Amino acid sequence: MQSTMQGAVHLPKKSNSMGTITTTTDEKQEPGMMDHDEIIALTQDVKKFSDSLARLKLLFTEGFDVEEDARVVIHEGLGEVLSVLNPVMQHYPELQSPDIFTAARGL
């Protein structure tokens, strides 16, 4: 529920085009603020990414069937991870910071 009292939090309204966030003239969104729906969507994206990484890890820890080509199976697992990660990185450009890339290199 949105309040119009001074000092109250005003949540942005989502437009129907490409998931962008718009605000009315009397509502201003502070930089870095996300609405509840956006937080839930990001949480779901992180869960999908985590699950795809876990499946990829299992490929390396549990091994492969004799009939499976390891290169093909690993390629498919990496493709799944990237198919989850790519849209997230495009939707949240803040995640493309040098600090995050530096931390990721150390993993």
Protein backbone atom coordinates (compact mmCIF):
# COMPACT_ATOMS: atom_id res chain seq x y z
CA MET A 1 0.00 0.00 0.00
CA GLN A 2 1.43 3.40 -0.97
CA SER A 3 1.17 6.42 1.24
CA THR A 4 1.08 10.04 0.16
CA MET A 5 2.31 11.43 3.49
CA GLN A 6 5.55 13.38 3.43
CA GLY A 7 8.52 11.17 4.24
CA ALA A 8 6.64 7.99 3.37
CA VAL A 9 8.13 5.38 1.10
CA HIS A 10 6.80 5.48 -2.45
CA LEU A 11 7.14 2.28 -4.40
CA PRO A 12 7.75 2.57 -8.14
CA LYS A 13 5.16 1.30 -10.58
CA LYS A 14 6.18 -1.16 -13.26
CA SER A 15 5.41 -0.30 -16.84
CA ASN A 16 4.41 -2.99 -19.29
CA SER A 17 7.38 -2.42 -21.58
CA MET A 18 10.46 -4.57 -21.08
CA GLY A 19 10.14 -4.67 -17.28
CA THR A 20 11.21 -1.08 -16.77
CA ILE A 21 10.29 0.84 -13.67
CA THR A 22 8.52 4.17 -13.91
CA THR A 23 7.39 6.61 -11.27
CA THR A 24 4.76 9.30 -11.24
CA THR A 25 5.82 12.94 -11.00
CA ASP A 26 5.32 13.10 -7.23
CA GLU A 27 7.09 9.77 -6.65
CA LYS A 28 10.86 9.56 -6.98
CA GLN A 29 12.78 6.35 -6.67
CA GLU A 30 16.08 6.55 -4.89
CA PRO A 31 19.04 5.06 -6.74
CA GLY A 32 19.58 1.44 -5.82
CA MET A 33 16.04 0.95 -4.52
CA MET A 34 14.05 -2.03 -5.80
CA ASP A 35 10.38 -2.80 -5.39
CA HIS A 36 9.12 -6.02 -3.79
CA ASP A 37 8.35 -7.75 -7.11
CA GLU A 38 11.83 -6.95 -8.40
CA ILE A 39 13.42 -8.44 -5.27
CA ILE A 40 11.36 -11.61 -5.64
CA ALA A 41 12.33 -11.90 -9.33
CA LEU A 42 16.03 -11.44 -8.50
CA THR A 43 15.77 -14.04 -5.73
CA GLN A 44 14.23 -16.52 -8.18
CA ASP A 45 16.98 -15.79 -10.73
CA VAL A 46 19.66 -16.37 -8.09
CA LYS A 47 17.99 -19.67 -7.13
CA LYS A 48 17.92 -20.81 -10.78
CA PHE A 49 21.59 -19.86 -11.15
CA SER A 50 22.51 -21.70 -7.95
CA ASP A 51 20.62 -24.81 -9.06
CA SER A 52 22.28 -24.83 -12.49
CA LEU A 53 25.73 -24.46 -10.88
CA ALA A 54 24.94 -27.32 -8.50
CA ARG A 55 23.97 -29.55 -11.43
CA LEU A 56 27.20 -28.61 -13.23
CA LYS A 57 29.21 -29.41 -10.09
CA LEU A 58 27.56 -32.84 -9.92
CA LEU A 59 28.82 -33.56 -13.42
CA PHE A 60 32.38 -33.21 -12.16
CA THR A 61 31.94 -34.95 -8.81
CA GLU A 62 29.77 -37.91 -9.83
CA GLY A 63 31.34 -38.61 -13.19
CA PHE A 64 29.69 -39.72 -16.40
CA ASP A 65 28.08 -42.81 -17.80
CA VAL A 66 30.34 -44.80 -20.09
CA GLU A 67 28.00 -44.11 -23.01
CA GLU A 68 27.98 -40.33 -22.49
CA ASP A 69 30.50 -38.03 -24.09
CA ALA A 70 31.95 -35.94 -21.26
CA ARG A 71 32.56 -32.94 -23.49
CA VAL A 72 28.93 -32.84 -24.65
CA VAL A 73 27.53 -33.24 -21.14
CA ILE A 74 29.77 -30.51 -19.70
CA HIS A 75 28.99 -28.23 -22.63
CA GLU A 76 25.26 -28.67 -21.98
CA GLY A 77 25.75 -27.93 -18.27
CA LEU A 78 27.73 -24.77 -19.01
CA GLY A 79 25.07 -23.74 -21.53
CA GLU A 80 22.42 -24.06 -18.84
CA VAL A 81 24.44 -21.91 -16.41
CA LEU A 82 25.03 -19.25 -19.06
CA SER A 83 21.38 -19.26 -20.16
CA VAL A 84 20.45 -18.31 -16.60
CA LEU A 85 23.31 -15.87 -16.01
CA ASN A 86 23.12 -13.89 -19.27
CA PRO A 87 19.61 -12.42 -18.82
CA VAL A 88 20.36 -11.59 -15.17
CA MET A 89 23.51 -9.70 -16.13
CA GLN A 90 21.62 -7.80 -18.83
CA HIS A 91 18.71 -6.94 -16.52
CA TYR A 92 20.94 -5.85 -13.60
CA PRO A 93 23.91 -3.93 -15.06
CA GLU A 94 25.03 -3.12 -11.50
CA LEU A 95 26.22 -6.73 -11.30
CA GLN A 96 28.82 -5.99 -13.97
CA SER A 97 31.05 -4.05 -11.56
CA PRO A 98 34.82 -4.61 -11.52
CA ASP A 99 34.61 -5.59 -7.83
CA ILE A 100 32.24 -8.46 -8.61
CA PHE A 101 34.35 -9.65 -11.53
CA THR A 102 37.49 -9.52 -9.37
CA ALA A 103 35.79 -11.54 -6.63
CA ALA A 104 34.51 -14.06 -9.20
CA ARG A 105 38.02 -14.61 -10.54
CA GLY A 106 39.09 -15.79 -7.11
CA LEU A 107 36.46 -18.53 -6.96
